[in-house]
């Protein structure tokens, strides 16, 4: 479980950095979002799924049906709930 904890720590750091960067970009311009961080976040989500025995197909299912990563990023679900949803999807 150590690897999943490390990946979730990285994921949380990227989410925090993305929010900070997006806030700064909104202040200085009309530019929204940061493609570089978004790509790292997506790659980390896929690594989290793979570390639990899943694949890119499972990551797609999670994003299409439960939107668990979005819910986690918004604070609607916690780490344990996210892992549970991933495991059920991989099933």
Protein backbone atom coordinates (compact mmCIF):
# COMPACT_ATOMS: atom_id res chain seq x y z
CA UNK A 1 0.00 0.00 0.00
CA UNK A 2 3.08 2.24 0.31
CA UNK A 3 3.22 2.90 -3.45
CA UNK A 4 -0.42 4.02 -3.57
CA UNK A 5 0.19 6.39 -0.65
CA UNK A 6 3.18 7.91 -2.45
CA UNK A 7 1.15 8.30 -5.64
CA UNK A 8 -1.74 9.92 -3.79
CA UNK A 9 0.69 12.29 -2.06
CA UNK A 10 2.05 13.26 -5.49
CA UNK A 11 -1.52 13.62 -6.81
CA UNK A 12 -2.46 15.91 -3.92
CA UNK A 13 0.64 18.03 -4.49
CA UNK A 14 -0.15 18.38 -8.21
CA UNK A 15 -3.76 19.33 -7.46
CA UNK A 16 -2.59 22.00 -5.00
CA UNK A 17 -0.02 23.36 -7.45
CA UNK A 18 -2.59 23.43 -10.25
CA UNK A 19 -5.01 25.44 -8.10
CA UNK A 20 -2.26 27.90 -7.12
CA UNK A 21 -1.12 28.29 -10.73
CA UNK A 22 -4.67 28.71 -12.03
CA UNK A 23 -5.38 31.36 -9.39
CA UNK A 24 -2.23 33.24 -10.40
CA UNK A 25 -3.06 32.97 -14.11
CA UNK A 26 -6.55 34.35 -13.54
CA UNK A 27 -5.10 37.36 -11.72
CA UNK A 28 -2.62 38.27 -14.47
CA UNK A 29 -4.60 37.31 -17.57
CA UNK A 30 -7.69 35.73 -19.01
CA UNK A 31 -5.83 32.45 -19.53
CA UNK A 32 -7.50 29.54 -17.76
CA UNK A 33 -5.88 26.26 -16.87
CA UNK A 34 -2.42 24.89 -17.27
CA UNK A 35 -1.97 22.10 -19.80
CA UNK A 36 1.35 20.94 -18.36
CA UNK A 37 0.02 20.31 -14.87
CA UNK A 38 -3.20 18.83 -16.22
CA UNK A 39 -1.18 16.27 -18.18
CA UNK A 40 0.84 15.36 -15.06
CA UNK A 41 -2.37 14.99 -13.07
CA UNK A 42 -3.88 12.66 -15.67
CA UNK A 43 -0.70 10.58 -15.82
CA UNK A 44 -0.70 10.33 -12.02
CA UNK A 45 -4.36 9.25 -12.00
CA UNK A 46 -3.49 6.48 -14.46
CA UNK A 47 -0.53 5.41 -12.29
CA UNK A 48 -2.80 5.26 -9.25
CA UNK A 49 -5.22 2.99 -11.13
CA UNK A 50 -2.37 0.82 -12.44
CA UNK A 51 -0.80 0.52 -8.97
CA UNK A 52 -4.08 -1.04 -7.81
CA UNK A 53 -4.01 -3.56 -10.67
CA UNK A 54 -6.02 -1.64 -13.25
CA UNK A 55 -5.37 -0.32 -16.74
CA UNK A 56 -6.05 2.75 -18.87
CA UNK A 57 -9.46 1.24 -19.70
CA UNK A 58 -10.33 1.24 -15.99
CA UNK A 59 -9.19 4.87 -15.70
CA UNK A 60 -11.55 5.76 -18.56
CA UNK A 61 -14.42 3.88 -16.86
CA UNK A 62 -13.77 5.68 -13.58
CA UNK A 63 -13.88 9.07 -15.31
CA UNK A 64 -16.95 8.26 -17.40
CA UNK A 65 -19.14 6.56 -14.81
CA UNK A 66 -18.21 7.63 -11.29
CA UNK A 67 -16.06 10.71 -11.95
CA UNK A 68 -14.20 9.69 -8.78
CA UNK A 69 -11.01 11.62 -9.50
CA UNK A 70 -12.96 14.83 -10.09
CA UNK A 71 -14.94 14.22 -6.90
CA UNK A 72 -11.69 13.67 -5.00
CA UNK A 73 -10.11 16.81 -6.45
CA UNK A 74 -13.15 18.82 -5.40
CA UNK A 75 -13.10 17.36 -1.87
CA UNK A 76 -16.43 15.53 -2.24
CA UNK A 77 -14.86 12.14 -1.41
CA UNK A 78 -11.79 11.20 0.63
CA UNK A 79 -8.77 9.03 -0.17
CA UNK A 80 -10.33 5.82 1.14
CA UNK A 81 -13.49 6.37 -0.91
CA UNK A 82 -11.43 7.05 -4.04
CA UNK A 83 -9.44 3.84 -3.55
CA UNK A 84 -12.64 1.89 -2.93
CA UNK A 85 -14.23 3.17 -6.15
CA UNK A 86 -11.08 2.32 -8.13
CA UNK A 87 -10.97 -1.20 -6.67
CA UNK A 88 -14.68 -1.78 -7.42
CA UNK A 89 -14.18 -0.58 -10.99
CA UNK A 90 -11.21 -2.91 -11.49
CA UNK A 91 -13.17 -5.65 -9.67
